[in-house]
Protein backbone atom coordinates (compact mmCIF):
# COMPACT_ATOMS: atom_id res chain seq x y z
CA MET A 1 4.83 -5.86 5.40
CA ALA A 2 2.33 -3.66 3.69
CA GLY A 3 0.38 -2.77 7.09
CA SER A 4 3.71 -2.00 8.98
CA GLU A 5 4.96 0.34 6.14
CA ALA A 6 1.48 1.68 5.65
CA ALA A 7 1.11 2.76 9.53
CA TRP A 8 4.71 4.23 9.49
CA GLN A 9 4.17 6.37 6.33
CA VAL A 10 0.75 7.61 8.01
CA ALA A 11 2.48 8.51 11.09
CA LYS A 12 5.32 10.36 9.47
CA ALA A 13 2.93 12.42 7.75
CA GLY A 14 1.61 13.70 11.35
CA VAL A 15 -1.52 11.70 11.17
CA PRO A 16 -2.42 9.43 14.20
CA VAL A 17 -3.01 5.78 13.22
CA VAL A 18 -4.36 2.60 15.09
CA LEU A 19 -2.76 -0.49 13.97
CA HIS A 20 -4.72 -3.69 14.51
CA GLU A 21 -2.88 -7.08 14.73
CA MET A 22 -4.65 -10.44 15.09
CA ARG A 23 -1.53 -12.29 15.85
CA PRO A 24 -0.65 -13.80 18.26
CA LYS A 25 -4.17 -14.00 19.69
CA VAL A 26 -5.47 -15.44 16.35
CA GLY A 27 -2.62 -17.34 14.22
CA THR A 28 -2.29 -18.48 10.62
CA ASP A 29 -1.08 -21.40 9.03
CA ALA A 30 2.36 -19.88 8.01
CA HIS A 31 3.24 -17.24 10.78
CA LYS A 32 5.07 -18.25 14.01
CA THR A 33 5.20 -15.21 15.92
CA GLY A 34 3.02 -11.82 16.74
CA GLY A 35 5.75 -9.68 15.28
CA PHE A 36 5.12 -7.21 12.74
CA ALA A 37 6.74 -7.76 9.08
CA GLU A 38 7.38 -11.59 10.03
CA LEU A 39 8.90 -13.18 6.93
CA VAL A 40 7.23 -16.46 6.44
CA CYS A 41 8.76 -17.70 3.09
CA SER A 42 12.38 -16.70 2.16
CA ASN A 43 14.46 -14.18 4.11
CA SER A 44 15.66 -12.33 0.75
CA PHE A 45 14.42 -9.11 -0.60
CA ARG A 46 15.88 -10.29 -3.96
CA SER A 47 18.36 -8.16 -5.98
CA ASP A 48 19.52 -4.95 -4.65
CA ASP A 49 20.90 -3.98 -8.25
CA ALA A 50 19.27 -0.79 -8.85
CA GLU A 51 20.89 -0.13 -12.24
CA GLN A 52 19.98 -3.56 -13.88
CA ASN A 53 16.92 -5.07 -11.99
CA ALA A 54 13.30 -3.89 -11.31
CA VAL A 55 13.24 -4.99 -7.84
CA GLY A 56 16.38 -3.44 -7.10
CA LEU A 57 15.05 -0.19 -8.51
CA LEU A 58 12.00 -0.78 -6.36
CA HIS A 59 14.72 -0.84 -3.29
CA TRP A 60 16.11 2.50 -4.42
CA GLU A 61 12.62 4.40 -4.68
CA MET A 62 11.65 3.02 -1.42
CA ARG A 63 14.67 4.18 0.49
CA ALA A 64 14.30 7.65 -1.21
CA ALA A 65 10.74 7.66 0.07
CA GLY A 66 11.85 7.13 3.66
CA SER A 67 10.54 3.29 3.90
CA LEU A 68 10.61 1.81 7.37
CA ILE A 69 10.96 -1.51 5.88
CA MET A 70 13.80 -0.78 3.59
CA ALA A 71 15.87 1.29 6.37
CA THR A 72 15.20 -1.82 8.70
CA ALA A 73 16.31 -4.40 6.14
CA ASP A 74 19.54 -2.41 5.61
CA ARG A 75 20.36 -2.49 9.29
CA HIS A 76 19.75 -6.41 9.44
CA GLN A 77 21.21 -7.55 6.01
CA VAL A 78 23.02 -10.69 5.84
CA PRO A 79 25.46 -11.83 3.24
CA ALA A 80 23.49 -13.01 0.00
CA GLY A 81 25.65 -12.34 -3.04
CA GLY A 82 23.91 -9.64 -5.22
CA ALA A 83 20.76 -9.82 -3.35
CA LEU A 84 19.52 -8.03 0.11
CA ALA A 85 18.76 -10.82 2.61
CA VAL A 86 18.02 -10.15 6.35
CA ASP A 87 18.07 -11.59 9.87
CA ARG A 88 14.47 -12.31 9.86
CA GLU A 89 13.86 -12.09 13.53
CA ALA A 90 15.86 -9.18 14.25
CA PHE A 91 14.27 -7.31 11.33
CA SER A 92 10.72 -8.05 12.54
CA ALA A 93 11.54 -7.22 16.08
CA GLU A 94 13.00 -3.71 15.09
CA VAL A 95 10.08 -2.88 12.90
CA THR A 96 7.75 -3.86 15.77
CA GLU A 97 9.47 -1.98 18.42
CA THR A 98 9.83 1.14 15.88
CA LEU A 99 6.17 1.27 15.43
CA LYS A 100 5.28 0.64 19.06
CA ALA A 101 7.41 3.52 20.01
CA HIS A 102 6.01 6.25 17.76
CA PRO A 103 4.04 8.73 19.55
CA LEU A 104 1.13 8.65 16.87
CA VAL A 105 0.86 4.98 16.48
CA THR A 106 -1.44 2.97 18.63
CA VAL A 107 -1.25 -0.77 18.46
CA GLU A 108 -4.20 -2.99 19.37
CA TYR A 109 -4.23 -6.65 19.33
CA ASP A 110 -7.47 -8.00 18.05
CA GLU A 111 -9.06 -9.60 14.91
CA ILE A 112 -11.26 -7.51 12.66
CA ALA A 113 -13.91 -10.32 11.88
CA GLY A 114 -15.78 -9.01 9.09
CA LEU A 115 -15.77 -5.38 7.58
CA PRO A 116 -14.49 -2.61 9.72
CA PRO A 117 -16.98 -0.70 11.57
CA GLU A 118 -18.71 1.82 9.64
CA GLU A 119 -17.58 4.76 11.98
CA TRP A 120 -14.10 3.97 10.72
CA ASP A 121 -13.98 6.42 7.82
CA SER A 122 -10.41 5.70 6.73
CA VAL A 123 -9.18 2.32 6.90
CA ILE A 124 -5.99 0.62 5.08
CA VAL A 125 -6.73 -3.30 4.77
CA ALA A 126 -3.16 -4.71 4.75
CA THR A 127 -3.95 -8.28 5.90
CA GLY A 128 -1.38 -10.07 3.48
CA PRO A 129 -1.74 -13.29 1.79
CA LEU A 130 -3.53 -14.98 5.02
CA THR A 131 -6.44 -12.82 5.24
CA SER A 132 -8.65 -14.13 8.19
CA PRO A 133 -11.59 -16.29 6.76
CA ALA A 134 -14.41 -13.84 8.19
CA LEU A 135 -12.92 -10.83 6.47
CA SER A 136 -12.03 -12.45 3.41
CA LYS A 137 -15.91 -13.50 3.12
CA ALA A 138 -17.02 -9.86 3.83
CA ILE A 139 -15.03 -8.43 1.35
CA GLY A 140 -16.02 -11.12 -1.26
CA GLN A 141 -19.76 -10.14 -0.41
CA ILE A 142 -19.16 -6.45 -0.71
CA THR A 143 -17.31 -6.87 -3.96
CA ASP A 144 -19.75 -9.53 -5.38
CA GLU A 145 -16.65 -11.25 -6.25
CA ALA A 146 -15.48 -14.80 -5.36
CA ASP A 147 -12.08 -14.91 -3.77
CA LEU A 148 -9.15 -15.40 -6.11
CA ALA A 149 -6.46 -17.05 -4.94
CA PHE A 150 -3.28 -19.29 -5.31
CA PHE A 151 -0.82 -21.65 -3.37
CA ASP A 152 2.38 -20.11 -1.80
CA ALA A 153 4.88 -22.58 -0.67
CA ILE A 154 7.95 -21.90 1.88
CA ALA A 155 11.36 -23.44 1.96
CA PRO A 156 12.96 -25.56 4.75
CA ILE A 157 16.02 -24.28 6.85
CA ILE A 158 18.89 -26.30 7.85
CA HIS A 159 21.24 -25.75 10.72
CA ARG A 160 24.72 -24.54 9.24
CA GLU A 161 26.80 -26.81 11.58
CA THR A 162 25.11 -30.04 10.38
CA ILE A 163 25.93 -29.22 6.64
CA ASP A 164 29.04 -31.53 5.40
CA MET A 165 31.43 -28.77 3.96
CA ASP A 166 33.86 -31.64 2.85
CA LYS A 167 31.21 -32.08 0.15
CA ALA A 168 29.80 -28.57 -0.09
CA TRP A 169 31.64 -25.17 -0.46
CA PHE A 170 30.99 -21.43 -0.42
CA GLN A 171 30.51 -19.53 -3.49
CA SER A 172 28.18 -16.92 -5.08
CA ARG A 173 27.27 -17.46 -8.77
CA TYR A 174 29.85 -16.21 -10.94
CA ASP A 175 31.58 -15.00 -7.82
CA LYS A 176 29.36 -11.89 -7.59
CA VAL A 177 29.67 -9.68 -4.71
CA GLY A 178 26.67 -8.02 -3.28
CA PRO A 179 25.49 -6.01 -0.21
CA GLY A 180 27.44 -7.13 2.78
CA GLY A 181 28.74 -10.08 0.73
CA THR A 182 32.08 -11.37 -0.29
CA GLY A 183 31.44 -13.36 -3.43
CA LYS A 184 31.14 -16.49 -1.56
CA ASP A 185 27.81 -16.08 0.31
CA TYR A 186 26.06 -19.33 -0.59
CA ILE A 187 26.85 -23.01 0.41
CA ASN A 188 26.66 -25.04 -2.63
CA CYS A 189 26.03 -28.83 -2.99
CA PRO A 190 26.95 -30.53 -6.03
CA MET A 191 25.21 -33.59 -7.89
CA ASP A 192 26.24 -35.63 -10.79
CA ARG A 193 23.82 -37.09 -13.33
CA GLU A 194 22.77 -40.25 -11.62
CA GLN A 195 22.41 -38.49 -8.29
CA TYR A 196 20.04 -35.66 -10.01
CA GLU A 197 18.08 -38.02 -11.74
CA ALA A 198 17.42 -40.01 -8.47
CA PHE A 199 16.86 -37.17 -6.57
CA VAL A 200 14.09 -35.96 -9.29
CA GLN A 201 12.55 -39.24 -9.15
CA ALA A 202 12.22 -39.18 -5.34
CA LEU A 203 10.54 -35.76 -5.48
CA LEU A 204 7.98 -37.13 -7.80
CA ASP A 205 7.19 -40.18 -5.66
CA GLY A 206 7.28 -38.41 -2.37
CA GLU A 207 4.01 -38.07 -0.43
CA LYS A 208 2.34 -34.51 -0.97
CA THR A 209 0.02 -32.34 1.12
CA ASP A 210 -3.38 -33.13 0.54
CA PHE A 211 -5.86 -30.51 -0.79
CA LYS A 212 -9.15 -29.96 0.40
CA GLU A 213 -11.94 -30.15 -1.85
CA TRP A 214 -12.51 -26.27 -2.28
CA GLU A 215 -8.65 -25.83 -2.78
CA LYS A 216 -8.44 -28.15 -5.60
CA SER A 217 -8.79 -25.75 -8.43
CA THR A 218 -6.54 -23.19 -6.84
CA PRO A 219 -3.49 -22.42 -8.87
CA TYR A 220 0.03 -21.72 -8.07
CA PHE A 221 1.89 -18.61 -8.20
CA SER A 222 4.58 -19.06 -10.87
CA GLY A 223 7.45 -17.41 -9.00
CA CYS A 224 7.12 -19.68 -6.03
CA LEU A 225 6.19 -23.00 -7.12
CA PRO A 226 6.94 -26.00 -4.84
CA ILE A 227 10.02 -27.80 -6.21
CA GLU A 228 8.22 -31.11 -6.82
CA VAL A 229 5.70 -29.09 -8.95
CA MET A 230 8.68 -27.81 -11.19
CA ALA A 231 9.85 -31.30 -11.48
CA GLU A 232 6.67 -32.56 -12.86
CA SER A 233 7.20 -30.21 -15.97
CA GLY A 234 10.07 -32.28 -17.08
CA SER A 235 13.15 -34.13 -15.91
CA GLU A 236 15.75 -31.24 -16.74
CA THR A 237 13.53 -28.42 -15.66
CA LEU A 238 15.22 -28.15 -12.07
CA ARG A 239 18.77 -28.12 -13.52
CA HIS A 240 17.61 -25.03 -15.56
CA GLY A 241 16.02 -23.40 -12.65
CA PRO A 242 16.94 -23.42 -8.97
CA MET A 243 19.49 -26.20 -9.33
CA LYS A 244 21.30 -24.76 -12.32
CA PRO A 245 25.19 -25.26 -12.11
CA ARG A 246 26.14 -22.38 -14.04
CA GLY A 247 28.81 -19.95 -12.65
CA LEU A 248 29.67 -22.40 -9.91
CA THR A 249 33.11 -24.42 -9.54
CA ASN A 250 33.35 -27.21 -6.92
CA ALA A 251 36.24 -26.03 -4.47
CA HIS A 252 37.00 -29.79 -3.82
CA GLN A 253 37.11 -30.90 -7.34
CA PRO A 254 37.66 -27.79 -9.69
CA GLU A 255 37.98 -30.19 -12.64
CA VAL A 256 34.83 -32.01 -12.34
CA LYS A 257 31.68 -30.14 -13.49
CA ALA A 258 28.53 -30.71 -11.49
CA TYR A 259 25.24 -31.67 -13.44
CA ALA A 260 23.23 -29.77 -10.78
CA VAL A 261 23.85 -27.86 -7.71
CA VAL A 262 21.69 -27.06 -4.67
CA GLN A 263 22.12 -23.69 -3.06
CA LEU A 264 21.59 -22.47 0.42
CA ARG A 265 21.47 -18.84 1.68
CA GLN A 266 22.37 -17.47 5.00
CA ASP A 267 19.00 -17.03 6.95
CA ASN A 268 20.07 -15.07 10.02
CA LYS A 269 23.07 -12.59 11.09
CA LEU A 270 24.68 -15.16 13.17
CA GLY A 271 25.05 -17.57 10.12
CA THR A 272 23.87 -20.63 12.04
CA LEU A 273 20.73 -21.12 9.87
CA TYR A 274 20.70 -21.62 6.06
CA ASN A 275 17.68 -21.78 3.80
CA MET A 276 17.23 -23.83 0.77
CA VAL A 277 17.04 -21.52 -2.18
CA GLY A 278 14.26 -22.19 -4.58
CA PHE A 279 13.28 -25.49 -2.47
CA GLN A 280 9.56 -24.29 -1.47
CA THR A 281 7.66 -27.60 -1.23
CA LYS A 282 4.40 -29.22 -0.52
CA LEU A 283 6.18 -32.70 0.49
CA LYS A 284 5.05 -33.89 3.90
CA TYR A 285 7.54 -33.63 6.51
CA ALA A 286 8.83 -37.15 6.75
CA ASP A 287 9.48 -37.10 3.00
CA GLN A 288 11.05 -33.86 3.05
CA VAL A 289 13.68 -35.10 5.47
CA ARG A 290 14.15 -38.37 3.60
CA VAL A 291 14.48 -36.81 -0.09
CA PHE A 292 16.37 -33.83 1.16
CA LYS A 293 19.12 -35.91 3.13
CA THR A 294 20.02 -37.66 -0.17
CA ILE A 295 21.44 -34.21 -1.54
CA PRO A 296 25.53 -34.34 -1.11
CA GLY A 297 26.34 -32.37 1.84
CA LEU A 298 22.99 -32.55 3.62
CA GLU A 299 23.13 -36.14 4.45
CA ASN A 300 23.37 -35.45 8.37
CA ALA A 301 21.44 -32.15 7.97
CA GLU A 302 19.22 -30.89 10.98
CA PHE A 303 16.14 -28.92 9.94
CA ALA A 304 15.23 -25.77 11.93
CA ARG A 305 12.07 -25.55 10.00
CA LEU A 306 10.60 -27.84 7.09
CA GLY A 307 8.92 -26.53 4.17
CA GLY A 308 5.03 -25.92 4.05
CA LEU A 309 2.23 -24.80 1.94
CA HIS A 310 -0.54 -22.22 2.49
CA ARG A 311 -3.41 -20.60 0.40
CA ASN A 312 -2.86 -16.86 -0.57
CA THR A 313 -6.01 -14.69 -1.22
CA PHE A 314 -5.97 -11.55 -3.49
CA LEU A 315 -8.53 -9.40 -4.98
CA ASN A 316 -9.57 -8.80 -8.66
CA SER A 317 -7.92 -5.52 -8.30
CA PRO A 318 -8.47 -4.04 -11.66
CA LYS A 319 -12.30 -4.61 -11.22
CA VAL A 320 -12.66 -3.67 -7.63
CA LEU A 321 -10.14 -0.94 -6.73
CA ASP A 322 -9.65 2.66 -7.95
CA GLU A 323 -6.21 4.01 -8.64
CA ARG A 324 -5.94 5.35 -5.04
CA LEU A 325 -6.14 1.60 -4.04
CA ARG A 326 -9.91 2.28 -2.59
CA LEU A 327 -12.56 -0.20 -2.86
CA LYS A 328 -15.11 1.08 -5.52
CA ALA A 329 -17.98 -0.36 -3.72
CA CYS A 330 -16.86 1.24 -0.26
CA SER A 331 -14.33 4.08 -0.78
CA ARG A 332 -13.38 4.40 3.01
CA LEU A 333 -11.42 0.85 2.51
CA ARG A 334 -8.08 1.17 0.98
CA PHE A 335 -6.00 -2.04 0.19
CA ALA A 336 -2.19 -2.49 0.24
CA GLY A 337 0.21 -5.37 0.06
CA GLN A 338 -0.07 -8.95 -1.36
CA ILE A 339 -3.97 -8.66 -1.09
CA THR A 340 -3.88 -6.40 -3.92
CA GLY A 341 -2.22 -8.70 -6.55
CA VAL A 342 1.36 -7.76 -5.92
CA GLU A 343 3.72 -10.58 -5.23
CA GLY A 344 6.80 -10.26 -2.95
CA TYR A 345 8.01 -8.80 0.24
CA VAL A 346 9.42 -5.54 -1.23
CA GLU A 347 6.38 -5.03 -3.68
CA SER A 348 3.89 -5.67 -0.86
CA ALA A 349 5.62 -3.23 1.38
CA ALA A 350 5.82 -0.74 -1.51
CA MET A 351 1.95 -0.68 -1.97
CA GLY A 352 1.62 -0.15 1.91
CA LEU A 353 3.88 2.87 1.33
CA MET A 354 1.79 4.29 -1.42
CA ALA A 355 -1.49 3.39 0.65
CA GLY A 356 -0.29 5.07 3.71
CA ARG A 357 0.88 8.32 1.88
CA MET A 358 -2.39 8.28 0.01
CA ALA A 359 -4.43 7.83 3.37
CA ALA A 360 -2.53 10.64 4.99
CA ALA A 361 -3.04 13.06 2.15
CA GLU A 362 -6.83 12.21 2.17
CA ARG A 363 -6.87 12.85 5.81
CA ARG A 364 -4.95 16.16 5.74
CA GLY A 365 -7.30 17.49 2.76
CA GLU A 366 -4.73 17.28 0.07
CA GLN A 367 -4.65 15.86 -3.36
CA PHE A 368 -2.38 12.82 -3.83
CA ALA A 369 -0.59 12.35 -7.14
CA VAL A 370 0.11 8.72 -8.10
CA PRO A 371 3.67 8.24 -9.01
CA PRO A 372 4.34 8.15 -13.03
CA ALA A 373 3.98 4.47 -14.58
CA THR A 374 7.53 4.95 -15.47
CA THR A 375 8.46 4.33 -11.82
CA ALA A 376 8.65 0.98 -10.04
CA HIS A 377 5.81 2.09 -7.83
CA GLY A 378 3.95 3.58 -10.47
CA ALA A 379 4.19 0.42 -12.75
CA LEU A 380 2.93 -1.73 -9.81
CA ILE A 381 -0.03 0.50 -9.17
CA ASN A 382 -0.74 0.58 -12.93
CA HIS A 383 -0.83 -3.34 -13.07
CA ILE A 384 -3.08 -3.86 -10.04
CA THR A 385 -5.49 -1.31 -11.24
CA GLY A 386 -5.90 -2.05 -14.93
CA GLY A 387 -2.45 -3.03 -16.28
CA HIS A 388 -3.40 -6.93 -17.05
CA ILE A 389 -4.66 -8.19 -20.26
CA GLU A 390 -8.11 -9.22 -20.69
CA THR A 391 -8.30 -12.36 -22.46
CA THR A 392 -11.84 -14.16 -22.06
CA ASP A 393 -14.53 -13.76 -24.27
CA LYS A 394 -16.73 -12.28 -21.58
CA GLY A 395 -13.94 -9.89 -20.73
CA SER A 396 -13.73 -10.97 -17.13
CA GLY A 397 -9.82 -10.68 -17.46
CA SER A 398 -6.77 -12.84 -16.33
CA PHE A 399 -5.40 -10.88 -13.39
CA GLN A 400 -2.87 -12.87 -11.38
CA PRO A 401 -0.24 -11.69 -8.82
CA MET A 402 2.87 -10.21 -10.08
CA ASN A 403 6.54 -9.30 -8.87
CA VAL A 404 7.81 -6.08 -10.27
CA ASN A 405 9.44 -6.45 -13.44
CA PHE A 406 10.51 -4.02 -16.65
CA GLY A 407 7.59 -5.76 -18.51
CA LEU A 408 5.45 -3.69 -16.38
CA PHE A 409 6.82 -0.42 -17.37
CA PRO A 410 6.21 1.73 -20.56
CA PRO A 411 8.72 1.07 -23.28
CA VAL A 412 11.88 3.16 -23.25
CA ASP A 413 14.35 4.12 -25.97
CA ALA A 414 17.81 2.56 -25.56
CA PRO A 415 21.04 3.08 -27.44
CA LYS A 416 21.85 0.57 -30.08
CA ARG A 417 25.23 1.97 -30.81
CA VAL A 418 28.20 3.40 -28.82
CA GLU A 419 30.62 5.35 -30.36
CA GLY A 420 29.88 3.91 -33.87
CA ARG A 421 30.05 0.33 -32.61
CA ARG A 422 26.83 -1.66 -32.85
CA LEU A 423 26.07 -3.43 -29.30
CA ASP A 424 25.67 -7.07 -29.18
CA HIS A 425 22.58 -8.78 -27.65
CA THR A 426 24.04 -8.67 -23.98
CA GLU A 427 25.12 -5.09 -24.39
CA LYS A 428 21.85 -3.93 -25.64
CA ALA A 429 20.01 -5.80 -22.83
CA ALA A 430 22.22 -4.06 -20.23
CA ALA A 431 21.73 -0.64 -21.91
CA ARG A 432 17.81 -1.20 -22.13
CA LYS A 433 17.76 -2.02 -18.35
CA ARG A 434 19.82 1.18 -17.41
CA ALA A 435 17.51 3.14 -19.56
CA TYR A 436 14.55 1.97 -17.69
CA THR A 437 16.15 2.66 -14.36
CA SER A 438 17.61 6.12 -15.07
CA ARG A 439 14.45 7.22 -16.46
CA ALA A 440 12.48 5.65 -13.27
CA LYS A 441 14.94 7.43 -11.04
CA ALA A 442 14.55 10.95 -12.43
CA ASP A 443 10.74 10.52 -12.54
CA PHE A 444 10.67 9.22 -9.03
CA ALA A 445 12.82 12.16 -7.52
CA ALA A 446 10.74 14.51 -9.49
CA TRP A 447 7.37 13.17 -8.10
CA LEU A 448 8.93 13.10 -4.58
CA GLY A 449 10.09 16.69 -5.01
CA GLY A 450 6.98 18.35 -5.91
CA ALA A 451 4.11 15.95 -6.72
CA VAL A 452 3.36 14.00 -3.53
CA ALA A 453 0.78 15.76 -1.89
CA ILE A 454 -0.73 18.89 -3.77
CA ALA A 455 -2.81 21.44 -1.47
CA ALA A 456 -6.38 21.07 -2.41
CA GLU A 457 -8.21 24.16 -4.09
């Protein structure tokens, strides 16, 4: 995601770029193809609400900045309520072909094993969460830092025709209509209390993927916890998380309130594949099939892909990167994407967009103004280059991957009263979010208009 976006931004600025891709010659534990921008976890870019949601705001900023990733996602969207989800194969195929067709982009299929050659004086390292071991080791040596890492998990995908729609039904939570959607964009599978408690116990009892000795101290990223790890934190956790029943009414039995609900979201444009929302897992394959087939409506489910687990690597970016995303120990190397400590498809692509524009401006002899911290892009850059809180006695910090959220933005003043009437809690929260997004849009538009690249004196 980040590398594809970075290459596009560099080329669009009129600067030649060579894109090195090790797949399919050298694979990873999660990727299945050699295509660029392959989505290995969910097919969702999450909320597309640019007024009330920070990731929706990031979508807006990226579109305004001419993002290849967002433009391609918009062309290949599939219904997903208030979210932007894509047909993953068509999306990756278009990104790949678009880059290959650009006259200033040269694609070379090879692995960069170790640091790039010294004669490469301007390099963007956008190797994603599955950086090759040789390059990861070399980066660790040059930064004098041990790798920081966390585990990330992917959810199963099910063939739509094998879902029992006499038990399941179509509905978006609260009937919300999103981009390309109808308000009936998710398949919902209900559970009563007895079914739910048995399901949770089956998750806890199921056989899990074993860790290697060197992996045992690696933490999970909290935004993508395996379903069984969530279940371990308490028997009611799942029904207040990915299995919450709120905003859903069983079309077959409207009078019966489900105790918990499993949702599935369309995964391809044809509507033949659906992924299990929030069901990232480290269960072994046999137990995934056994346990997930106990879900009402999925008794005869056929899986197009089972869930899995992979180890993600990221830098201690506040310590080793400057605000232009360059390695302090070797400024010819610039980093982008999830390896910098942002989490999520969109956030990774956004850092690719920034890195590409930074590299292009540098090559053209121009200064680059980082977007204000009041914008989604600026807030992310601020987080990965020093926005975390240092909590240890030795000051080594507690930097962890982060999705974009309003907590990364500078505080904003929001109205507490309208026409003399005091707003309630819900209204205040909505007004505050609108204040964040309105300020960000104005500041990002101003940045695009005049502060993208200022000619060097």
